[in-house]
């Protein structure tokens, strides 16, 4: 494929896929080590009704309304879990299961019954994303990369995901020491005066921001694999946290590139008429990378947490 085809049709969605995967992998490292990996699953279930309500109120798919809607849905979910736990006298895990599945089902139902003909928002896209449609219509070739007129027509998802990725990277770099200490020994972190609860809350909030920002590209289900698979695979490659983060970023970018290429061109190479979901294939490649790491990773048989030094 030459530049006149690759740049407008494949470059932008591929870059967006890389940013999505990396933005999810960065906090995912700490969620996995803290044994909170399923927070990504919880976020994906809770944010969907909030995003749908934000769309119904504003009529557009925009970042800030979606973030506010997701935040409102999270507050409702926390309150509902506590009410069910107290009134039903059941375990918190059971209460969370009821609330998460109910809210997710409600989001799907609202989406089914709403008019989304003016935007790319339906049940399929909400669940699996629409990465392959995020093309750069104003680009004509490689020269468009330095053409201000063409650059003004970039899909808004690209700068949005780039900004979110930089935000997550900045957070990890800025709070590296407290994140590292509190991840491996929260009790010690508290004894030396670290405020571990606000730090943990910030980690969850930034994970939610990454999930909401990635909604257009990979939906609310595929994003779970991006939070878990690259960091888990990286954990099997090294026992040092610094190296784990690097490995996870490399695995995330590799999964995004290979997954997008296979989704777009693999079926055609095999003689089929159409491509498959890019987000779904990226998640599949992420899972394959994790499987290969589980078989061949040098630290697959070692117990304990990764070392932070």
Protein backbone atom coordinates (compact mmCIF):
# COMPACT_ATOMS: atom_id res chain seq x y z
CA UNK A 1 0.00 0.00 0.00
CA UNK A 2 1.42 3.40 -0.99
CA UNK A 3 1.30 6.59 1.04
CA UNK A 4 -1.77 7.97 -0.71
CA UNK A 5 -3.73 4.99 0.61
CA UNK A 6 -1.97 4.23 3.91
CA UNK A 7 -1.91 7.75 5.36
CA UNK A 8 -5.64 8.58 5.08
CA UNK A 9 -6.96 5.05 5.65
CA UNK A 10 -4.63 3.29 8.08
CA UNK A 11 -2.14 5.65 9.74
CA UNK A 12 -4.62 7.46 11.98
CA UNK A 13 -6.55 4.44 13.31
CA UNK A 14 -3.26 2.61 13.85
CA UNK A 15 -1.85 5.50 15.89
CA UNK A 16 -5.09 5.79 17.85
CA UNK A 17 -4.93 2.06 18.57
CA UNK A 18 -1.35 2.42 19.83
CA UNK A 19 -2.26 5.34 22.09
CA UNK A 20 -5.29 3.48 23.46
CA UNK A 21 -3.27 0.35 24.21
CA UNK A 22 -0.42 2.26 25.86
CA UNK A 23 -2.75 4.53 27.87
CA UNK A 24 -4.49 1.46 29.30
CA UNK A 25 -1.28 -0.51 29.87
CA UNK A 26 0.40 2.19 31.98
CA UNK A 27 -2.08 2.15 34.89
CA UNK A 28 -2.76 -1.51 34.20
CA UNK A 29 0.72 -2.40 35.49
CA UNK A 30 -0.13 -1.12 38.95
CA UNK A 31 -3.67 -2.51 38.91
CA UNK A 32 -2.33 -5.97 38.09
CA UNK A 33 0.36 -5.85 40.80
CA UNK A 34 -2.16 -4.54 43.34
CA UNK A 35 -4.49 -7.42 42.42
CA UNK A 36 -7.05 -4.90 41.22
CA UNK A 37 -7.00 -5.90 37.56
CA UNK A 38 -10.77 -6.35 37.42
CA UNK A 39 -11.23 -2.66 38.19
CA UNK A 40 -10.90 -2.23 34.44
CA UNK A 41 -13.79 -4.65 34.01
CA UNK A 42 -15.84 -2.74 36.57
CA UNK A 43 -15.10 0.58 34.89
CA UNK A 44 -16.16 -0.74 31.50
CA UNK A 45 -19.52 -1.89 32.87
CA UNK A 46 -20.25 1.23 34.89
CA UNK A 47 -19.31 3.90 32.33
CA UNK A 48 -21.56 2.66 29.52
CA UNK A 49 -24.90 3.98 30.89
CA UNK A 50 -23.22 7.26 31.85
CA UNK A 51 -21.87 7.68 28.32
CA UNK A 52 -25.25 6.87 26.78
CA UNK A 53 -27.04 9.35 29.05
CA UNK A 54 -24.46 12.01 28.19
CA UNK A 55 -25.12 11.40 24.50
CA UNK A 56 -28.90 11.53 24.96
CA UNK A 57 -28.61 14.86 26.79
CA UNK A 58 -26.12 16.53 24.44
CA UNK A 59 -26.75 14.79 21.13
CA UNK A 60 -23.01 14.47 20.44
CA UNK A 61 -20.23 12.05 21.31
CA UNK A 62 -17.80 14.38 23.07
CA UNK A 63 -15.08 13.81 25.65
CA UNK A 64 -16.15 16.05 28.51
CA UNK A 65 -19.86 15.10 28.51
CA UNK A 66 -18.82 11.44 28.39
CA UNK A 67 -16.41 11.91 31.31
CA UNK A 68 -19.08 13.68 33.36
CA UNK A 69 -21.61 11.00 32.49
CA UNK A 70 -19.15 8.27 33.46
CA UNK A 71 -18.39 10.04 36.76
CA UNK A 72 -22.10 10.33 37.52
CA UNK A 73 -22.61 6.65 36.73
CA UNK A 74 -19.71 5.71 39.01
CA UNK A 75 -21.23 7.68 41.90
CA UNK A 76 -24.59 6.00 41.36
CA UNK A 77 -22.90 2.60 41.23
CA UNK A 78 -21.07 3.15 44.53
CA UNK A 79 -24.26 4.31 46.24
CA UNK A 80 -26.27 1.40 44.81
CA UNK A 81 -23.69 -1.14 45.93
CA UNK A 82 -23.76 0.20 49.47
CA UNK A 83 -27.57 0.26 49.58
CA UNK A 84 -27.88 -3.30 48.28
CA UNK A 85 -25.17 -4.51 50.63
CA UNK A 86 -26.87 -2.99 53.66
CA UNK A 87 -30.49 -3.83 52.82
CA UNK A 88 -29.77 -7.28 51.45
CA UNK A 89 -27.06 -8.09 53.98
CA UNK A 90 -24.96 -9.71 51.29
CA UNK A 91 -21.27 -9.71 50.50
CA UNK A 92 -19.83 -6.62 48.73
CA UNK A 93 -18.72 -8.79 45.80
CA UNK A 94 -22.26 -10.01 45.23
CA UNK A 95 -23.61 -6.47 45.47
CA UNK A 96 -21.06 -5.27 42.93
CA UNK A 97 -21.97 -8.09 40.57
CA UNK A 98 -25.64 -7.12 40.70
CA UNK A 99 -25.00 -3.41 40.19
CA UNK A 100 -22.39 -3.73 37.43
CA UNK A 101 -24.41 -6.16 35.32
CA UNK A 102 -27.63 -4.20 35.84
CA UNK A 103 -26.05 -0.89 34.86
CA UNK A 104 -24.36 -2.42 31.84
CA UNK A 105 -27.59 -4.01 30.69
CA UNK A 106 -29.37 -0.70 31.22
CA UNK A 107 -26.81 1.09 29.08
CA UNK A 108 -27.23 -1.42 26.27
CA UNK A 109 -31.03 -1.15 26.50
CA UNK A 110 -30.95 2.66 26.38
CA UNK A 111 -28.62 2.53 23.41
CA UNK A 112 -30.92 0.11 21.59
CA UNK A 113 -33.92 2.37 22.11
CA UNK A 114 -32.24 5.70 21.32
CA UNK A 115 -31.78 7.39 17.94
CA UNK A 116 -28.07 7.27 17.07
CA UNK A 117 -28.44 7.62 13.31
CA UNK A 118 -26.51 10.91 13.29
CA UNK A 119 -23.36 9.46 14.91
CA UNK A 120 -21.36 6.24 14.94
CA UNK A 121 -22.90 5.01 18.17
CA UNK A 122 -24.85 1.78 18.37
CA UNK A 123 -24.63 -1.36 20.46
CA UNK A 124 -21.92 -2.96 18.32
CA UNK A 125 -19.73 0.14 18.40
CA UNK A 126 -20.39 0.70 22.10
CA UNK A 127 -19.23 -2.81 22.91
CA UNK A 128 -16.41 -3.35 20.40
CA UNK A 129 -15.49 0.13 19.17
CA UNK A 130 -15.19 1.56 15.69
CA UNK A 131 -11.45 1.99 15.29
CA UNK A 132 -11.34 1.23 11.57
CA UNK A 133 -13.70 4.13 10.80
CA UNK A 134 -11.44 6.78 12.38
CA UNK A 135 -9.80 7.67 9.08
CA UNK A 136 -8.16 10.93 7.97
CA UNK A 137 -10.33 12.08 5.10
CA UNK A 138 -8.32 15.26 4.35
CA UNK A 139 -5.02 13.43 3.89
CA UNK A 140 -3.67 12.73 0.41
CA UNK A 141 -0.30 11.14 1.23
CA UNK A 142 2.84 11.56 3.31
CA UNK A 143 2.97 15.26 2.49
CA UNK A 144 -0.21 15.74 4.52
CA UNK A 145 1.80 15.14 7.70
CA UNK A 146 3.20 18.69 7.45
CA UNK A 147 0.26 20.32 5.68
CA UNK A 148 -1.58 22.59 8.18
CA UNK A 149 -4.81 22.45 6.17
CA UNK A 150 -4.82 18.65 6.09
CA UNK A 151 -3.76 18.40 9.74
CA UNK A 152 -6.77 20.47 10.78
CA UNK A 153 -8.95 17.61 9.57
CA UNK A 154 -7.38 14.94 11.79
CA UNK A 155 -9.95 12.83 13.67
CA UNK A 156 -10.41 14.35 17.12
CA UNK A 157 -9.80 10.93 18.67
CA UNK A 158 -6.09 11.09 17.78
CA UNK A 159 -5.14 14.24 19.72
CA UNK A 160 -7.51 13.21 22.51
CA UNK A 161 -5.86 9.82 22.97
CA UNK A 162 -2.39 11.36 22.60
CA UNK A 163 -3.22 13.82 25.39
CA UNK A 164 -4.60 11.07 27.64
CA UNK A 165 -1.50 8.93 27.03
CA UNK A 166 0.76 11.84 27.94
CA UNK A 167 -1.37 12.47 31.05
CA UNK A 168 -1.00 8.85 32.18
CA UNK A 169 2.73 8.82 31.40
CA UNK A 170 3.20 12.07 33.32
CA UNK A 171 1.31 10.67 36.31
CA UNK A 172 3.45 7.53 36.38
CA UNK A 173 6.69 9.51 36.10
CA UNK A 174 5.67 12.16 38.65
CA UNK A 175 4.42 9.72 41.26
CA UNK A 176 6.75 6.84 40.43
CA UNK A 177 8.25 6.44 43.90
CA UNK A 178 4.99 6.54 45.91
CA UNK A 179 3.27 4.33 43.34
CA UNK A 180 6.09 1.79 43.56
CA UNK A 181 6.27 1.73 47.34
CA UNK A 182 2.51 1.64 47.94
CA UNK A 183 2.06 -1.07 45.32
CA UNK A 184 4.48 -3.48 46.98
CA UNK A 185 4.09 -2.54 50.66
CA UNK A 186 1.13 -0.32 51.44
CA UNK A 187 1.67 -0.67 55.19
CA UNK A 188 5.23 0.62 54.95
CA UNK A 189 4.07 3.45 52.68
CA UNK A 190 1.64 4.55 55.36
CA UNK A 191 4.24 4.41 58.11
CA UNK A 192 6.50 6.83 56.24
CA UNK A 193 3.64 9.27 55.75
CA UNK A 194 2.44 8.49 52.23
CA UNK A 195 -1.24 9.10 51.55
CA UNK A 196 -1.98 5.81 49.86
CA UNK A 197 -5.75 6.17 49.58
CA UNK A 198 -5.74 9.39 47.48
CA UNK A 199 -3.01 7.86 45.32
CA UNK A 200 -5.04 4.72 44.76
CA UNK A 201 -8.12 6.80 43.98
CA UNK A 202 -6.16 8.87 41.47
CA UNK A 203 -4.99 5.67 39.78
CA UNK A 204 -8.58 4.45 39.42
CA UNK A 205 -9.79 7.86 38.17
CA UNK A 206 -7.07 8.02 35.52
CA UNK A 207 -7.90 4.46 34.49
CA UNK A 208 -11.50 5.55 34.05
CA UNK A 209 -10.39 8.54 31.97
CA UNK A 210 -8.39 6.21 29.73
CA UNK A 211 -11.40 3.88 29.34
CA UNK A 212 -13.78 6.73 28.48
CA UNK A 213 -11.33 8.35 26.05
CA UNK A 214 -10.87 4.98 24.33
CA UNK A 215 -14.62 4.43 23.98
CA UNK A 216 -14.86 5.56 20.33
CA UNK A 217 -11.99 3.34 19.29
CA UNK A 218 -12.45 0.08 21.19
CA UNK A 219 -15.78 0.37 22.99
CA UNK A 220 -16.44 -0.61 26.59
CA UNK A 221 -15.55 -4.33 26.44
CA UNK A 222 -12.35 -4.65 24.39
CA UNK A 223 -10.67 -2.11 26.66
CA UNK A 224 -10.58 -4.72 29.45
CA UNK A 225 -7.98 -6.75 27.56
CA UNK A 226 -5.82 -3.67 27.11
CA UNK A 227 -5.77 -2.99 30.85
CA UNK A 228 -4.82 -6.55 31.75
CA UNK A 229 -3.02 -8.47 28.97
CA UNK A 230 0.09 -6.33 28.22
CA UNK A 231 0.92 -5.71 31.91
CA UNK A 232 0.29 -9.36 32.82
CA UNK A 233 2.49 -10.50 29.93
CA UNK A 234 5.18 -8.00 30.96
CA UNK A 235 5.07 -9.34 34.53
CA UNK A 236 6.08 -12.75 33.15
CA UNK A 237 9.08 -11.24 31.35
CA UNK A 238 10.82 -9.49 34.25
CA UNK A 239 10.96 -9.12 38.02
CA UNK A 240 11.77 -5.40 37.92
CA UNK A 241 8.98 -2.84 37.85
CA UNK A 242 10.83 -0.40 35.60
CA UNK A 243 11.41 -3.11 33.03
CA UNK A 244 7.83 -4.35 33.40
CA UNK A 245 6.43 -0.95 32.44
CA UNK A 246 8.70 -0.83 29.38
CA UNK A 247 7.73 -4.37 28.38
CA UNK A 248 4.03 -3.56 28.80
CA UNK A 249 4.28 -0.49 26.58
CA UNK A 250 6.13 -2.49 23.93
CA UNK A 251 3.57 -5.32 24.07
CA UNK A 252 0.69 -2.82 23.89
CA UNK A 253 2.10 -1.06 20.84
CA UNK A 254 2.94 -4.37 19.17
CA UNK A 255 -0.57 -5.72 19.75
CA UNK A 256 -2.10 -2.53 18.32
CA UNK A 257 0.01 -2.64 15.15
CA UNK A 258 -0.25 -6.37 14.49
CA UNK A 259 -3.92 -6.48 15.44
CA UNK A 260 -4.85 -3.62 13.13
CA UNK A 261 -2.89 -5.06 10.20
CA UNK A 262 -4.39 -8.53 10.62
CA UNK A 263 -7.91 -7.14 11.04
CA UNK A 264 -7.69 -4.97 7.95
CA UNK A 265 -5.67 -7.10 5.58
CA UNK A 266 -5.62 -10.63 6.97
CA UNK A 267 -9.07 -11.64 5.67
CA UNK A 268 -8.25 -10.16 2.26
CA UNK A 269 -4.98 -12.10 2.11
CA UNK A 270 -6.98 -15.23 2.88
CA UNK A 271 -9.46 -14.50 0.11
CA UNK A 272 -12.37 -13.11 2.14
CA UNK A 273 -14.28 -10.04 1.01
CA UNK A 274 -14.26 -7.91 4.17
CA UNK A 275 -12.17 -7.15 7.23
CA UNK A 276 -12.92 -7.88 10.89
CA UNK A 277 -13.14 -5.67 13.98
CA UNK A 278 -9.81 -3.93 14.56
CA UNK A 279 -10.46 -3.53 18.29
CA UNK A 280 -11.38 -7.18 18.62
CA UNK A 281 -8.27 -8.30 16.78
CA UNK A 282 -6.04 -6.07 18.92
CA UNK A 283 -7.54 -7.69 22.02
CA UNK A 284 -6.99 -11.13 20.46
CA UNK A 285 -3.33 -10.38 19.73
CA UNK A 286 -2.94 -9.05 23.29
CA UNK A 287 -4.27 -12.35 24.58
CA UNK A 288 -1.91 -14.31 22.34
CA UNK A 289 1.04 -12.28 23.59
CA UNK A 290 -0.02 -13.09 27.16
CA UNK A 291 -0.34 -16.78 26.27
CA UNK A 292 3.13 -16.84 24.70
CA UNK A 293 4.58 -15.06 27.74
CA UNK A 294 2.91 -17.62 30.01
CA UNK A 295 4.64 -20.40 28.07
CA UNK A 296 8.03 -18.86 27.30
CA UNK A 297 8.38 -15.94 29.74
CA UNK A 298 11.55 -16.22 31.88
CA UNK A 299 9.64 -15.42 35.10
CA UNK A 300 6.53 -17.50 34.48
CA UNK A 301 7.43 -19.98 37.23
CA UNK A 302 8.60 -17.55 39.89
CA UNK A 303 6.26 -16.54 42.69
CA UNK A 304 5.93 -13.27 44.49
CA UNK A 305 5.58 -9.74 43.28
CA UNK A 306 7.94 -7.98 40.95
CA UNK A 307 10.81 -6.14 42.58
CA UNK A 308 10.70 -2.37 42.52
CA UNK A 309 14.46 -1.93 42.59
